[in-house]
Amino acid sequence: MSLNRWSIRRAGFTLIELLVVIAIIAVLIALLLPAVQQAREAARRTQCKNNLHNIGLALHNYHDATGTFPILVGWNGFTGDRQGAFTDKVMMLPYLDQAPAYNRVNWNDYPWDSGGWYGSSNIQSMSMRLAVFICPSEPNLTKGGQANFNYAINMGIQPFNVSGMGSGHNGFAAAFGSVDWCLPDKGPTKAGSFSDGLSNTVAYGEITVDPGQPYNKKYSMHDWTWGGGSVAGSRNVCNNYTVSNAMFNTDAGRAGMKGSSWGWSFGGVAATYTHTMNPNEKACHNGEIEDWSGNNMVGSQSHHMGGVQVCLADGSVRFVSENVNWPTWLALGSRNGGEALGEY
């Protein structure tokens, strides 16, 4: 009888043994979890790279069909308003397997804005959340998540009117304005417009979605860079901004716009981005220039560790460190600066 009791008593774990097992499992989970998270982020980063690759293909297919790269329309020269103020993304829809959406565009109406600036204009063609415009690493939503996007066309070095590179935009993109205060470019860019070379100029870069609040320097939009006076000065002003300069504190009507509406060419939604700010530096609404022809001070930002992914004008995709030499990043942003491009 006593032997049976002893056998029964030894059949289970003691409390100490159970705690040891639990501790071992916890240690194993702690060791394995970072590896699992890294593997998932690697998969997300690969998908993000594929999205940029597809956008690069669409840019060149558009060029093959039209002889130019797509242009942004900042202001309607016929109505003096924003009807037809569409992004390059709208122009590329047929080349991204989105011909049905493209065919529904009312070219004489306003672009759809998820913030409600234009009511339901073009809601059927531009309110979709398209996977090719979304980086899987993006955790945030703004304006309900409809039409959010994470990729923007390169508008060059801003403010372009003090960049010393001519009277128009100097990046990959061009913008059409047609009113006196909305500065137009001379026309869309072509493959021959890139004296620096297609492989030495960025076409598209990542941007992050700004949900409005709470504040986060990695994705929140900040105010205009008043008093910058130059490219370097504007960068310095933007990087010194804090939560008190966040758009939800300075201009609530334009808060939570960044990354919100892929069909609208307004600089405030980050339809474009600038190479004035180094990768993963702060984003500001604009420099000392109007904001209706693709101008802003939004840098390329991402949720990847250590940098951002960009699509070069030749269609190749590269990862660029956030510690890249600033003159090198500036050189990658201009198509005609004649700079010596350093290692990156």
C-alpha atoms as a PDB file:
ATOM      1  CA  MET A   1       0.000   0.000   0.000  1.00  0.00           C
ATOM      2  CA  SER A   2       2.774   2.386   0.864  1.00  0.00           C
ATOM      3  CA  LEU A   3       4.556   1.465  -2.380  1.00  0.00           C
ATOM      4  CA  ASN A   4       1.454   2.394  -4.415  1.00  0.00           C
ATOM      5  CA  ARG A   5       1.174   5.701  -2.661  1.00  0.00           C
ATOM      6  CA  TRP A   6       4.824   6.419  -3.459  1.00  0.00           C
ATOM      7  CA  SER A   7       4.297   5.502  -7.106  1.00  0.00           C
ATOM      8  CA  ILE A   8       1.276   7.764  -7.406  1.00  0.00           C
ATOM      9  CA  ARG A   9       3.094  10.603  -5.689  1.00  0.00           C
ATOM     10  CA  ARG A  10       5.978  10.420  -8.220  1.00  0.00           C
ATOM     11  CA  ALA A  11       3.728  10.269 -11.308  1.00  0.00           C
ATOM     12  CA  GLY A  12       3.345  14.085 -11.660  1.00  0.00           C
ATOM     13  CA  PHE A  13       5.575  17.192 -11.699  1.00  0.00           C
ATOM     14  CA  THR A  14       6.448  18.999  -8.559  1.00  0.00           C
ATOM     15  CA  LEU A  15       5.752  22.732  -8.442  1.00  0.00           C
ATOM     16  CA  ILE A  16       9.446  23.496  -8.806  1.00  0.00           C
ATOM     17  CA  GLU A  17       9.758  21.237 -11.863  1.00  0.00           C
ATOM     18  CA  LEU A  18       6.730  22.896 -13.456  1.00  0.00           C
ATOM     19  CA  LEU A  19       8.183  26.342 -12.892  1.00  0.00           C
ATOM     20  CA  VAL A  20      11.479  25.255 -14.438  1.00  0.00           C
ATOM     21  CA  VAL A  21       9.695  23.940 -17.538  1.00  0.00           C
ATOM     22  CA  ILE A  22       7.715  27.178 -17.863  1.00  0.00           C
ATOM     23  CA  ALA A  23      10.911  29.204 -17.505  1.00  0.00           C
ATOM     24  CA  ILE A  24      12.616  27.154 -20.219  1.00  0.00           C
ATOM     25  CA  ILE A  25       9.663  27.646 -22.575  1.00  0.00           C
ATOM     26  CA  ALA A  26       9.686  31.398 -21.882  1.00  0.00           C
ATOM     27  CA  VAL A  27      13.400  31.586 -22.679  1.00  0.00           C
ATOM     28  CA  LEU A  28      12.892  29.660 -25.919  1.00  0.00           C
ATOM     29  CA  ILE A  29      10.049  31.973 -26.954  1.00  0.00           C
ATOM     30  CA  ALA A  30      12.189  35.017 -26.122  1.00  0.00           C
ATOM     31  CA  LEU A  31      14.962  33.618 -28.300  1.00  0.00           C
ATOM     32  CA  LEU A  32      12.725  32.601 -31.190  1.00  0.00           C
ATOM     33  CA  LEU A  33      10.342  35.588 -31.326  1.00  0.00           C
ATOM     34  CA  PRO A  34      12.875  38.117 -32.707  1.00  0.00           C
ATOM     35  CA  ALA A  35      13.880  35.627 -35.400  1.00  0.00           C
ATOM     36  CA  VAL A  36      10.216  35.122 -36.352  1.00  0.00           C
ATOM     37  CA  GLN A  37       9.638  38.872 -36.416  1.00  0.00           C
ATOM     38  CA  GLN A  38      12.740  39.400 -38.544  1.00  0.00           C
ATOM     39  CA  ALA A  39      11.592  36.731 -40.989  1.00  0.00           C
ATOM     40  CA  ARG A  40       8.180  38.380 -41.265  1.00  0.00           C
ATOM     41  CA  GLU A  41       9.712  41.814 -41.818  1.00  0.00           C
ATOM     42  CA  ALA A  42      12.032  40.369 -44.454  1.00  0.00           C
ATOM     43  CA  ALA A  43       8.970  39.019 -46.278  1.00  0.00           C
ATOM     44  CA  ARG A  44       7.194  42.371 -45.980  1.00  0.00           C
ATOM     45  CA  ARG A  45      10.270  44.212 -47.229  1.00  0.00           C
ATOM     46  CA  THR A  46      10.490  41.862 -50.221  1.00  0.00           C
ATOM     47  CA  GLN A  47       6.844  42.535 -51.085  1.00  0.00           C
ATOM     48  CA  CYS A  48       7.483  46.259 -50.710  1.00  0.00           C
ATOM     49  CA  LYS A  49      10.408  45.937 -53.125  1.00  0.00           C
ATOM     50  CA  ASN A  50       8.178  44.062 -55.581  1.00  0.00           C
ATOM     51  CA  ASN A  51       5.603  46.872 -55.416  1.00  0.00           C
ATOM     52  CA  LEU A  52       8.258  49.440 -56.320  1.00  0.00           C
ATOM     53  CA  HIS A  53       9.494  47.183 -59.107  1.00  0.00           C
ATOM     54  CA  ASN A  54       5.965  46.999 -60.541  1.00  0.00           C
ATOM     55  CA  ILE A  55       5.646  50.779 -60.336  1.00  0.00           C
ATOM     56  CA  GLY A  56       8.959  51.095 -62.183  1.00  0.00           C
ATOM     57  CA  LEU A  57       7.684  48.791 -64.926  1.00  0.00           C
ATOM     58  CA  ALA A  58       4.472  50.823 -65.163  1.00  0.00           C
ATOM     59  CA  LEU A  59       6.454  54.063 -65.519  1.00  0.00           C
ATOM     60  CA  HIS A  60       8.417  52.660 -68.457  1.00  0.00           C
ATOM     61  CA  ASN A  61       5.395  51.034 -70.091  1.00  0.00           C
ATOM     62  CA  TYR A  62       3.657  54.411 -69.864  1.00  0.00           C
ATOM     63  CA  HIS A  63       6.730  56.025 -71.449  1.00  0.00           C
ATOM     64  CA  ASP A  64       6.749  53.443 -74.239  1.00  0.00           C
ATOM     65  CA  ALA A  65       3.094  54.197 -74.973  1.00  0.00           C
ATOM     66  CA  THR A  66       3.164  58.011 -74.704  1.00  0.00           C
ATOM     67  CA  GLY A  67       6.777  59.078 -75.165  1.00  0.00           C
ATOM     68  CA  THR A  68       6.885  60.758 -71.734  1.00  0.00           C
ATOM     69  CA  PHE A  69       6.765  59.857 -68.072  1.00  0.00           C
ATOM     70  CA  PRO A  70       3.457  60.613 -66.276  1.00  0.00           C
ATOM     71  CA  ILE A  71       2.869  64.130 -65.019  1.00  0.00           C
ATOM     72  CA  LEU A  72       0.999  65.529 -62.011  1.00  0.00           C
ATOM     73  CA  VAL A  73      -1.712  68.116 -62.589  1.00  0.00           C
ATOM     74  CA  GLY A  74      -1.627  70.706 -59.824  1.00  0.00           C
ATOM     75  CA  TRP A  75      -4.288  73.146 -61.026  1.00  0.00           C
ATOM     76  CA  ASN A  76      -6.757  73.333 -63.891  1.00  0.00           C
ATOM     77  CA  GLY A  77      -5.728  76.085 -66.282  1.00  0.00           C
ATOM     78  CA  PHE A  78      -9.186  76.245 -67.872  1.00  0.00           C
ATOM     79  CA  THR A  79     -11.392  76.462 -64.783  1.00  0.00           C
ATOM     80  CA  GLY A  80      -8.928  78.093 -62.382  1.00  0.00           C
ATOM     81  CA  ASP A  81      -9.745  75.344 -59.859  1.00  0.00           C
ATOM     82  CA  ARG A  82      -8.684  71.777 -59.055  1.00  0.00           C
ATOM     83  CA  GLN A  83     -10.755  69.723 -61.456  1.00  0.00           C
ATOM     84  CA  GLY A  84      -8.462  67.124 -62.972  1.00  0.00           C
ATOM     85  CA  ALA A  85      -5.762  67.613 -60.317  1.00  0.00           C
ATOM     86  CA  PHE A  86      -4.662  63.993 -60.604  1.00  0.00           C
ATOM     87  CA  THR A  87      -1.443  62.224 -59.725  1.00  0.00           C
ATOM     88  CA  ASP A  88       0.901  60.219 -61.891  1.00  0.00           C
ATOM     89  CA  LYS A  89      -0.600  57.131 -60.196  1.00  0.00           C
ATOM     90  CA  VAL A  90      -3.927  57.813 -61.909  1.00  0.00           C
ATOM     91  CA  MET A  91      -2.151  58.021 -65.260  1.00  0.00           C
ATOM     92  CA  MET A  92      -0.409  54.690 -64.618  1.00  0.00           C
ATOM     93  CA  LEU A  93      -3.516  52.702 -63.619  1.00  0.00           C
ATOM     94  CA  PRO A  94      -3.819  50.812 -66.949  1.00  0.00           C
ATOM     95  CA  TYR A  95      -0.197  49.690 -66.584  1.00  0.00           C
ATOM     96  CA  LEU A  96      -0.812  48.384 -63.045  1.00  0.00           C
ATOM     97  CA  ASP A  97      -3.688  46.045 -64.029  1.00  0.00           C
ATOM     98  CA  GLN A  98      -6.224  48.676 -62.958  1.00  0.00           C
ATOM     99  CA  ALA A  99      -7.811  49.517 -66.316  1.00  0.00           C
ATOM    100  CA  PRO A 100     -11.399  49.309 -64.939  1.00  0.00           C
ATOM    101  CA  ALA A 101     -10.609  52.025 -62.371  1.00  0.00           C
ATOM    102  CA  TYR A 102      -8.909  54.143 -65.034  1.00  0.00           C
ATOM    103  CA  ASN A 103     -11.935  53.835 -67.330  1.00  0.00           C
ATOM    104  CA  ARG A 104     -14.186  55.184 -64.552  1.00  0.00           C
ATOM    105  CA  VAL A 105     -12.179  58.398 -64.092  1.00  0.00           C
ATOM    106  CA  ASN A 106     -14.149  61.570 -64.767  1.00  0.00           C
ATOM    107  CA  TRP A 107     -11.369  63.778 -66.089  1.00  0.00           C
ATOM    108  CA  ASN A 108     -13.485  66.921 -65.791  1.00  0.00           C
ATOM    109  CA  ASP A 109     -14.178  66.416 -62.063  1.00  0.00           C
ATOM    110  CA  TYR A 110     -12.140  66.770 -58.890  1.00  0.00           C
ATOM    111  CA  PRO A 111      -9.883  63.990 -57.597  1.00  0.00           C
ATOM    112  CA  TRP A 112     -11.302  61.934 -54.751  1.00  0.00           C
ATOM    113  CA  ASP A 113      -9.991  62.958 -51.338  1.00  0.00           C
ATOM    114  CA  SER A 114     -10.632  60.709 -48.344  1.00  0.00           C
ATOM    115  CA  GLY A 115     -10.648  63.813 -46.135  1.00  0.00           C
ATOM    116  CA  GLY A 116     -13.763  65.097 -47.855  1.00  0.00           C
ATOM    117  CA  TRP A 117     -12.442  68.203 -49.598  1.00  0.00           C
ATOM    118  CA  TYR A 118     -14.290  67.312 -52.808  1.00  0.00           C
ATOM    119  CA  GLY A 119     -17.223  65.257 -51.576  1.00  0.00           C
ATOM    120  CA  SER A 120     -17.774  62.090 -53.594  1.00  0.00           C
ATOM    121  CA  SER A 121     -16.009  63.253 -56.766  1.00  0.00           C
ATOM    122  CA  ASN A 122     -14.372  60.273 -58.541  1.00  0.00           C
ATOM    123  CA  ILE A 123     -15.096  58.032 -55.558  1.00  0.00           C
ATOM    124  CA  GLN A 124     -15.658  54.994 -57.800  1.00  0.00           C
ATOM    125  CA  SER A 125     -12.281  55.277 -59.483  1.00  0.00           C
ATOM    126  CA  MET A 126      -9.945  56.546 -56.731  1.00  0.00           C
ATOM    127  CA  SER A 127     -11.214  55.388 -53.331  1.00  0.00           C
ATOM    128  CA  MET A 128      -9.831  51.845 -53.491  1.00  0.00           C
ATOM    129  CA  ARG A 129      -7.026  50.599 -51.291  1.00  0.00           C
ATOM    130  CA  LEU A 130      -4.662  49.178 -53.918  1.00  0.00           C
ATOM    131  CA  ALA A 131      -2.077  46.672 -52.711  1.00  0.00           C
ATOM    132  CA  VAL A 132       0.542  47.880 -55.205  1.00  0.00           C
ATOM    133  CA  PHE A 133       0.546  51.287 -53.456  1.00  0.00           C
ATOM    134  CA  ILE A 134       0.808  49.870 -49.903  1.00  0.00           C
ATOM    135  CA  CYS A 135       3.986  48.699 -48.161  1.00  0.00           C
ATOM    136  CA  PRO A 136       3.087  45.702 -45.967  1.00  0.00           C
ATOM    137  CA  SER A 137       5.319  47.108 -43.193  1.00  0.00           C
ATOM    138  CA  GLU A 138       3.014  50.143 -42.778  1.00  0.00           C
ATOM    139  CA  PRO A 139       1.100  49.848 -39.457  1.00  0.00           C
ATOM    140  CA  ASN A 140      -0.918  53.060 -39.682  1.00  0.00           C
ATOM    141  CA  LEU A 141      -4.168  54.078 -41.332  1.00  0.00           C
ATOM    142  CA  THR A 142      -5.468  57.559 -41.966  1.00  0.00           C
ATOM    143  CA  LYS A 143      -8.936  58.757 -42.987  1.00  0.00           C
ATOM    144  CA  GLY A 144     -10.256  55.222 -42.548  1.00  0.00           C
ATOM    145  CA  GLY A 145      -7.541  53.602 -44.656  1.00  0.00           C
ATOM    146  CA  GLN A 146      -9.252  54.131 -48.005  1.00  0.00           C
ATOM    147  CA  ALA A 147      -6.884  55.125 -50.813  1.00  0.00           C
ATOM    148  CA  ASN A 148      -3.884  55.145 -48.453  1.00  0.00           C
ATOM    149  CA  PHE A 149      -0.479  54.804 -50.104  1.00  0.00           C
ATOM    150  CA  ASN A 150       3.222  54.439 -49.267  1.00  0.00           C
ATOM    151  CA  TYR A 151       5.014  55.375 -52.492  1.00  0.00           C
ATOM    152  CA  ALA A 152       5.533  58.857 -53.903  1.00  0.00           C
ATOM    153  CA  ILE A 153       7.165  60.279 -56.995  1.00  0.00           C
ATOM    154  CA  ASN A 154      10.409  62.217 -56.612  1.00  0.00           C
ATOM    155  CA  MET A 155      10.004  65.974 -57.072  1.00  0.00           C
ATOM    156  CA  GLY A 156      13.720  66.657 -56.579  1.00  0.00           C
ATOM    157  CA  ILE A 157      15.347  69.175 -54.294  1.00  0.00           C
ATOM    158  CA  GLN A 158      13.017  71.616 -52.540  1.00  0.00           C
ATOM    159  CA  PRO A 159      12.375  74.479 -52.377  1.00  0.00           C
ATOM    160  CA  PHE A 160      13.290  74.175 -56.045  1.00  0.00           C
ATOM    161  CA  ASN A 161      13.248  77.949 -56.553  1.00  0.00           C
ATOM    162  CA  VAL A 162      16.343  78.277 -54.319  1.00  0.00           C
ATOM    163  CA  SER A 163      18.058  75.051 -55.400  1.00  0.00           C
ATOM    164  CA  GLY A 164      20.131  76.704 -58.127  1.00  0.00           C
ATOM    165  CA  MET A 165      18.957  74.113 -60.686  1.00  0.00           C
ATOM    166  CA  GLY A 166      16.713  76.203 -62.881  1.00  0.00           C
ATOM    167  CA  SER A 167      13.186  77.528 -62.726  1.00  0.00           C
ATOM    168  CA  GLY A 168      11.349  74.193 -62.616  1.00  0.00           C
ATOM    169  CA  HIS A 169      11.296  70.989 -60.645  1.00  0.00           C
ATOM    170  CA  ASN A 170      14.550  69.078 -60.882  1.00  0.00           C
ATOM    171  CA  GLY A 171      13.544  65.546 -59.855  1.00  0.00           C
ATOM    172  CA  PHE A 172      11.929  62.721 -61.772  1.00  0.00           C
ATOM    173  CA  ALA A 173       8.475  64.244 -61.945  1.00  0.00           C
ATOM    174  CA  ALA A 174       6.995  67.347 -63.481  1.00  0.00           C
ATOM    175  CA  ALA A 175       3.855  69.231 -62.456  1.00  0.00           C
ATOM    176  CA  PHE A 176       1.443  71.281 -64.542  1.00  0.00           C
ATOM    177  CA  GLY A 177      -0.091  74.339 -62.928  1.00  0.00           C
ATOM    178  CA  SER A 178      -1.260  77.016 -65.390  1.00  0.00           C
ATOM    179  CA  VAL A 179      -2.120  79.779 -62.956  1.00  0.00           C
ATOM    180  CA  ASP A 180       0.287  82.575 -62.075  1.00  0.00           C
ATOM    181  CA  TRP A 181       1.034  81.473 -58.506  1.00  0.00           C
ATOM    182  CA  CYS A 182       1.043  77.734 -59.270  1.00  0.00           C
ATOM    183  CA  LEU A 183       4.395  77.325 -60.946  1.00  0.00           C
ATOM    184  CA  PRO A 184       4.260  74.975 -63.948  1.00  0.00           C
ATOM    185  CA  ASP A 185       7.090  73.019 -65.458  1.00  0.00           C
ATOM    186  CA  LYS A 186       7.842  73.230 -69.156  1.00  0.00           C
ATOM    187  CA  GLY A 187       6.368  69.800 -69.777  1.00  0.00           C
ATOM    188  CA  PRO A 188       6.581  66.165 -68.726  1.00  0.00           C
ATOM    189  CA  THR A 189       9.954  64.507 -68.428  1.00  0.00           C
ATOM    190  CA  LYS A 190      11.245  62.015 -70.977  1.00  0.00           C
ATOM    191  CA  ALA A 191      14.061  59.483 -70.907  1.00  0.00           C
ATOM    192  CA  GLY A 192      16.239  62.087 -72.591  1.00  0.00           C
ATOM    193  CA  SER A 193      15.561  64.634 -69.824  1.00  0.00           C
ATOM    194  CA  PHE A 194      17.966  62.922 -67.425  1.00  0.00           C
ATOM    195  CA  SER A 195      21.408  64.301 -68.096  1.00  0.00           C
ATOM    196  CA  ASP A 196      22.537  62.695 -64.833  1.00  0.00           C
ATOM    197  CA  GLY A 197      21.389  59.304 -66.135  1.00  0.00           C
ATOM    198  CA  LEU A 198      18.330  57.193 -65.378  1.00  0.00           C
ATOM    199  CA  SER A 199      20.364  54.897 -63.136  1.00  0.00           C
ATOM    200  CA  ASN A 200      21.549  57.888 -61.083  1.00  0.00           C
ATOM    201  CA  THR A 201      18.124  59.446 -60.432  1.00  0.00           C
ATOM    202  CA  VAL A 202      15.400  58.191 -58.114  1.00  0.00           C
ATOM    203  CA  ALA A 203      11.913  57.953 -59.582  1.00  0.00           C
ATOM    204  CA  TYR A 204       9.884  56.717 -56.606  1.00  0.00           C
ATOM    205  CA  GLY A 205      10.512  56.443 -52.879  1.00  0.00           C
ATOM    206  CA  GLU A 206       8.693  55.250 -49.803  1.00  0.00           C
ATOM    207  CA  ILE A 207       6.667  57.538 -47.555  1.00  0.00           C
ATOM    208  CA  THR A 208       4.842  56.755 -44.310  1.00  0.00           C
ATOM    209  CA  VAL A 209       1.182  57.310 -43.502  1.00  0.00           C
ATOM    210  CA  ASP A 210       0.415  60.045 -40.961  1.00  0.00           C
ATOM    211  CA  PRO A 211      -2.669  59.096 -38.903  1.00  0.00           C
ATOM    212  CA  GLY A 212      -2.871  62.640 -37.519  1.00  0.00           C
ATOM    213  CA  GLN A 213      -2.361  61.784 -33.867  1.00  0.00           C
ATOM    214  CA  PRO A 214      -0.551  60.740 -31.731  1.00  0.00           C
ATOM    215  CA  TYR A 215       2.698  62.501 -32.584  1.00  0.00           C
ATOM    216  CA  ASN A 216       5.606  60.477 -33.923  1.00  0.00           C
ATOM    217  CA  LYS A 217       8.627  62.101 -35.544  1.00  0.00           C
ATOM    218  CA  LYS A 218       8.943  59.143 -37.934  1.00  0.00           C
ATOM    219  CA  TYR A 219       5.637  59.807 -39.681  1.00  0.00           C
ATOM    220  CA  SER A 220       3.922  62.962 -38.378  1.00  0.00           C
ATOM    221  CA  MET A 221       3.635  65.904 -40.768  1.00  0.00           C
ATOM    222  CA  HIS A 222       5.069  69.205 -39.528  1.00  0.00           C
ATOM    223  CA  ASP A 223       4.425  72.813 -40.492  1.00  0.00           C
ATOM    224  CA  TRP A 224       5.915  74.917 -43.297  1.00  0.00           C
ATOM    225  CA  THR A 225       9.650  75.586 -42.961  1.00  0.00           C
ATOM    226  CA  TRP A 226       9.340  79.344 -42.703  1.00  0.00           C
ATOM    227  CA  GLY A 227      12.655  81.154 -42.461  1.00  0.00           C
ATOM    228  CA  GLY A 228      14.695  78.375 -44.051  1.00  0.00           C
ATOM    229  CA  GLY A 229      15.837  80.572 -46.913  1.00  0.00           C
ATOM    230  CA  SER A 230      17.825  77.822 -48.646  1.00  0.00           C
ATOM    231  CA  VAL A 231      17.801  74.072 -49.217  1.00  0.00           C
ATOM    232  CA  ALA A 232      20.069  73.398 -46.229  1.00  0.00           C
ATOM    233  CA  GLY A 233      18.249  75.983 -44.115  1.00  0.00           C
ATOM    234  CA  SER A 234      14.846  74.462 -44.876  1.00  0.00           C
ATOM    235  CA  ARG A 235      16.141  71.008 -43.938  1.00  0.00           C
ATOM    236  CA  ASN A 236      17.492  72.353 -40.673  1.00  0.00           C
ATOM    237  CA  VAL A 237      14.208  74.063 -39.780  1.00  0.00           C
ATOM    238  CA  CYS A 238      12.222  70.901 -40.500  1.00  0.00           C
ATOM    239  CA  ASN A 239      14.494  68.618 -38.484  1.00  0.00           C
ATOM    240  CA  ASN A 240      14.313  70.967 -35.488  1.00  0.00           C
ATOM    241  CA  TYR A 241      10.525  70.894 -35.364  1.00  0.00           C
ATOM    242  CA  THR A 242       8.801  69.172 -32.428  1.00  0.00           C
ATOM    243  CA  VAL A 243       5.259  68.189 -31.500  1.00  0.00           C
ATOM    244  CA  SER A 244       4.340  71.868 -31.133  1.00  0.00           C
ATOM    245  CA  ASN A 245       4.988  72.230 -34.883  1.00  0.00           C
ATOM    246  CA  ALA A 246       2.951  69.163 -35.872  1.00  0.00           C
ATOM    247  CA  MET A 247       0.165  69.911 -38.340  1.00  0.00           C
ATOM    248  CA  PHE A 248      -2.560  68.908 -35.883  1.00  0.00           C
ATOM    249  CA  ASN A 249      -1.348  71.804 -33.708  1.00  0.00           C
ATOM    250  CA  THR A 250      -0.688  74.369 -36.444  1.00  0.00           C
ATOM    251  CA  ASP A 251      -3.222  73.621 -39.233  1.00  0.00           C
ATOM    252  CA  ALA A 252      -5.808  71.054 -38.144  1.00  0.00           C
ATOM    253  CA  GLY A 253      -7.512  71.131 -41.542  1.00  0.00           C
ATOM    254  CA  ARG A 254      -4.409  69.581 -43.094  1.00  0.00           C
ATOM    255  CA  ALA A 255      -3.607  67.104 -40.340  1.00  0.00           C
ATOM    256  CA  GLY A 256      -3.561  63.389 -41.132  1.00  0.00           C
ATOM    257  CA  MET A 257      -3.295  63.985 -44.880  1.00  0.00           C
ATOM    258  CA  LYS A 258       0.078  62.384 -45.609  1.00  0.00           C
ATOM    259  CA  GLY A 259      -0.432  59.084 -47.407  1.00  0.00           C
ATOM    260  CA  SER A 260      -4.208  59.470 -47.537  1.00  0.00           C
ATOM    261  CA  SER A 261      -5.375  59.808 -51.172  1.00  0.00           C
ATOM    262  CA  TRP A 262      -3.317  58.343 -54.009  1.00  0.00           C
ATOM    263  CA  GLY A 263      -5.347  60.045 -56.743  1.00  0.00           C
ATOM    264  CA  TRP A 264      -4.891  63.647 -55.566  1.00  0.00           C
ATOM    265  CA  SER A 265      -1.752  65.549 -56.626  1.00  0.00           C
ATOM    266  CA  PHE A 266      -1.662  67.881 -53.601  1.00  0.00           C
ATOM    267  CA  GLY A 267       1.747  68.095 -51.913  1.00  0.00           C
ATOM    268  CA  GLY A 268       0.062  67.909 -48.504  1.00  0.00           C
ATOM    269  CA  VAL A 269      -0.984  64.297 -49.050  1.00  0.00           C
ATOM    270  CA  ALA A 270       2.610  63.511 -50.102  1.00  0.00           C
ATOM    271  CA  ALA A 271       1.752  62.712 -53.697  1.00  0.00           C
ATOM    272  CA  THR A 272       5.407  63.700 -54.103  1.00  0.00           C
ATOM    273  CA  TYR A 273       8.428  63.669 -51.841  1.00  0.00           C
ATOM    274  CA  THR A 274      11.679  65.656 -51.751  1.00  0.00           C
ATOM    275  CA  HIS A 275      15.366  64.779 -51.484  1.00  0.00           C
ATOM    276  CA  THR A 276      16.029  67.810 -49.292  1.00  0.00           C
ATOM    277  CA  MET A 277      15.352  65.621 -46.270  1.00  0.00           C
ATOM    278  CA  ASN A 278      17.594  62.589 -45.787  1.00  0.00           C
ATOM    279  CA  PRO A 279      15.872  59.168 -45.531  1.00  0.00           C
ATOM    280  CA  ASN A 280      13.762  58.822 -42.362  1.00  0.00           C
ATOM    281  CA  GLU A 281      14.224  62.463 -41.377  1.00  0.00           C
ATOM    282  CA  LYS A 282      11.154  64.479 -40.453  1.00  0.00           C
ATOM    283  CA  ALA A 283       8.414  65.438 -42.905  1.00  0.00           C
ATOM    284  CA  CYS A 284       7.259  69.036 -43.281  1.00  0.00           C
ATOM    285  CA  HIS A 285       4.308  70.370 -45.220  1.00  0.00           C
ATOM    286  CA  ASN A 286       6.348  72.651 -47.442  1.00  0.00           C
ATOM    287  CA  GLY A 287       9.144  75.160 -47.805  1.00  0.00           C
ATOM    288  CA  GLU A 288       8.681  78.821 -48.622  1.00  0.00           C
ATOM    289  CA  ILE A 289       6.800  78.190 -51.862  1.00  0.00           C
ATOM    290  CA  GLU A 290       3.218  77.397 -52.898  1.00  0.00           C
ATOM    291  CA  ASP A 291       1.964  73.876 -52.265  1.00  0.00           C
ATOM    292  CA  TRP A 292      -0.334  73.236 -55.235  1.00  0.00           C
ATOM    293  CA  SER A 293       2.118  72.031 -57.858  1.00  0.00           C
ATOM    294  CA  GLY A 294       3.606  69.038 -56.121  1.00  0.00           C
ATOM    295  CA  ASN A 295       5.791  71.016 -53.726  1.00  0.00           C
ATOM    296  CA  ASN A 296       6.424  69.812 -50.184  1.00  0.00           C
ATOM    297  CA  MET A 297       9.190  69.047 -47.715  1.00  0.00           C
ATOM    298  CA  VAL A 298       8.283  65.389 -47.187  1.00  0.00           C
ATOM    299  CA  GLY A 299      11.310  63.126 -47.007  1.00  0.00           C
ATOM    300  CA  SER A 300      11.366  59.467 -47.942  1.00  0.00           C
ATOM    301  CA  GLN A 301      10.396  57.512 -44.816  1.00  0.00           C
ATOM    302  CA  SER A 302       9.732  53.849 -44.095  1.00  0.00           C
ATOM    303  CA  HIS A 303       9.148  51.370 -41.282  1.00  0.00           C
ATOM    304  CA  HIS A 304      12.082  49.228 -42.410  1.00  0.00           C
ATOM    305  CA  MET A 305      15.076  49.101 -40.131  1.00  0.00           C
ATOM    306  CA  GLY A 306      17.810  51.528 -41.087  1.00  0.00           C
ATOM    307  CA  GLY A 307      16.637  53.071 -44.354  1.00  0.00           C
ATOM    308  CA  VAL A 308      14.204  53.217 -47.262  1.00  0.00           C
ATOM    309  CA  GLN A 309      13.653  51.496 -50.574  1.00  0.00           C
ATOM    310  CA  VAL A 310      13.645  53.498 -53.790  1.00  0.00           C
ATOM    311  CA  CYS A 311      12.926  52.779 -57.436  1.00  0.00           C
ATOM    312  CA  LEU A 312      15.494  54.365 -59.720  1.00  0.00           C
ATOM    313  CA  ALA A 313      14.469  55.901 -63.019  1.00  0.00           C
ATOM    314  CA  ASP A 314      15.844  52.894 -64.886  1.00  0.00           C
ATOM    315  CA  GLY A 315      13.364  50.661 -63.000  1.00  0.00           C
ATOM    316  CA  SER A 316      15.810  49.022 -60.588  1.00  0.00           C
ATOM    317  CA  VAL A 317      15.062  49.012 -56.840  1.00  0.00           C
ATOM    318  CA  ARG A 318      17.661  49.790 -54.165  1.00  0.00           C
ATOM    319  CA  PHE A 319      17.724  50.028 -50.380  1.00  0.00           C
ATOM    320  CA  VAL A 320      19.302  53.290 -49.210  1.00  0.00           C
ATOM    321  CA  SER A 321      20.619  53.709 -45.677  1.00  0.00           C
ATOM    322  CA  GLU A 322      19.227  56.522 -43.564  1.00  0.00           C
ATOM    323  CA  ASN A 323      22.872  57.399 -42.875  1.00  0.00           C
ATOM    324  CA  VAL A 324      23.629  58.053 -46.544  1.00  0.00           C
ATOM    325  CA  ASN A 325      25.827  61.072 -47.189  1.00  0.00           C
ATOM    326  CA  TRP A 326      23.480  64.052 -47.671  1.00  0.00           C
ATOM    327  CA  PRO A 327      25.145  65.358 -50.887  1.00  0.00           C
ATOM    328  CA  THR A 328      24.816  61.848 -52.342  1.00  0.00           C
ATOM    329  CA  TRP A 329      21.106  61.765 -51.483  1.00  0.00           C
ATOM    330  CA  LEU A 330      20.678  65.214 -53.030  1.00  0.00           C
ATOM    331  CA  ALA A 331      22.422  64.005 -56.179  1.00  0.00           C
ATOM    332  CA  LEU A 332      20.098  60.990 -56.407  1.00  0.00           C
ATOM    333  CA  GLY A 333      17.165  63.398 -56.226  1.00  0.00           C
ATOM    334  CA  SER A 334      18.082  65.601 -59.192  1.00  0.00           C
ATOM    335  CA  ARG A 335      17.984  64.587 -62.853  1.00  0.00           C
ATOM    336  CA  ASN A 336      20.162  67.401 -64.162  1.00  0.00           C
ATOM    337  CA  GLY A 337      22.467  68.602 -61.382  1.00  0.00           C
ATOM    338  CA  GLY A 338      25.669  67.157 -62.812  1.00  0.00           C
ATOM    339  CA  GLU A 339      26.788  66.055 -59.343  1.00  0.00           C
ATOM    340  CA  ALA A 340      29.373  63.367 -58.690  1.00  0.00           C
ATOM    341  CA  LEU A 341      27.390  60.519 -57.176  1.00  0.00           C
ATOM    342  CA  GLY A 342      29.047  58.950 -54.133  1.00  0.00           C
ATOM    343  CA  GLU A 343      28.653  55.415 -52.788  1.00  0.00           C
ATOM    344  CA  TYR A 344      25.296  54.504 -51.268  1.00  0.00           C
END
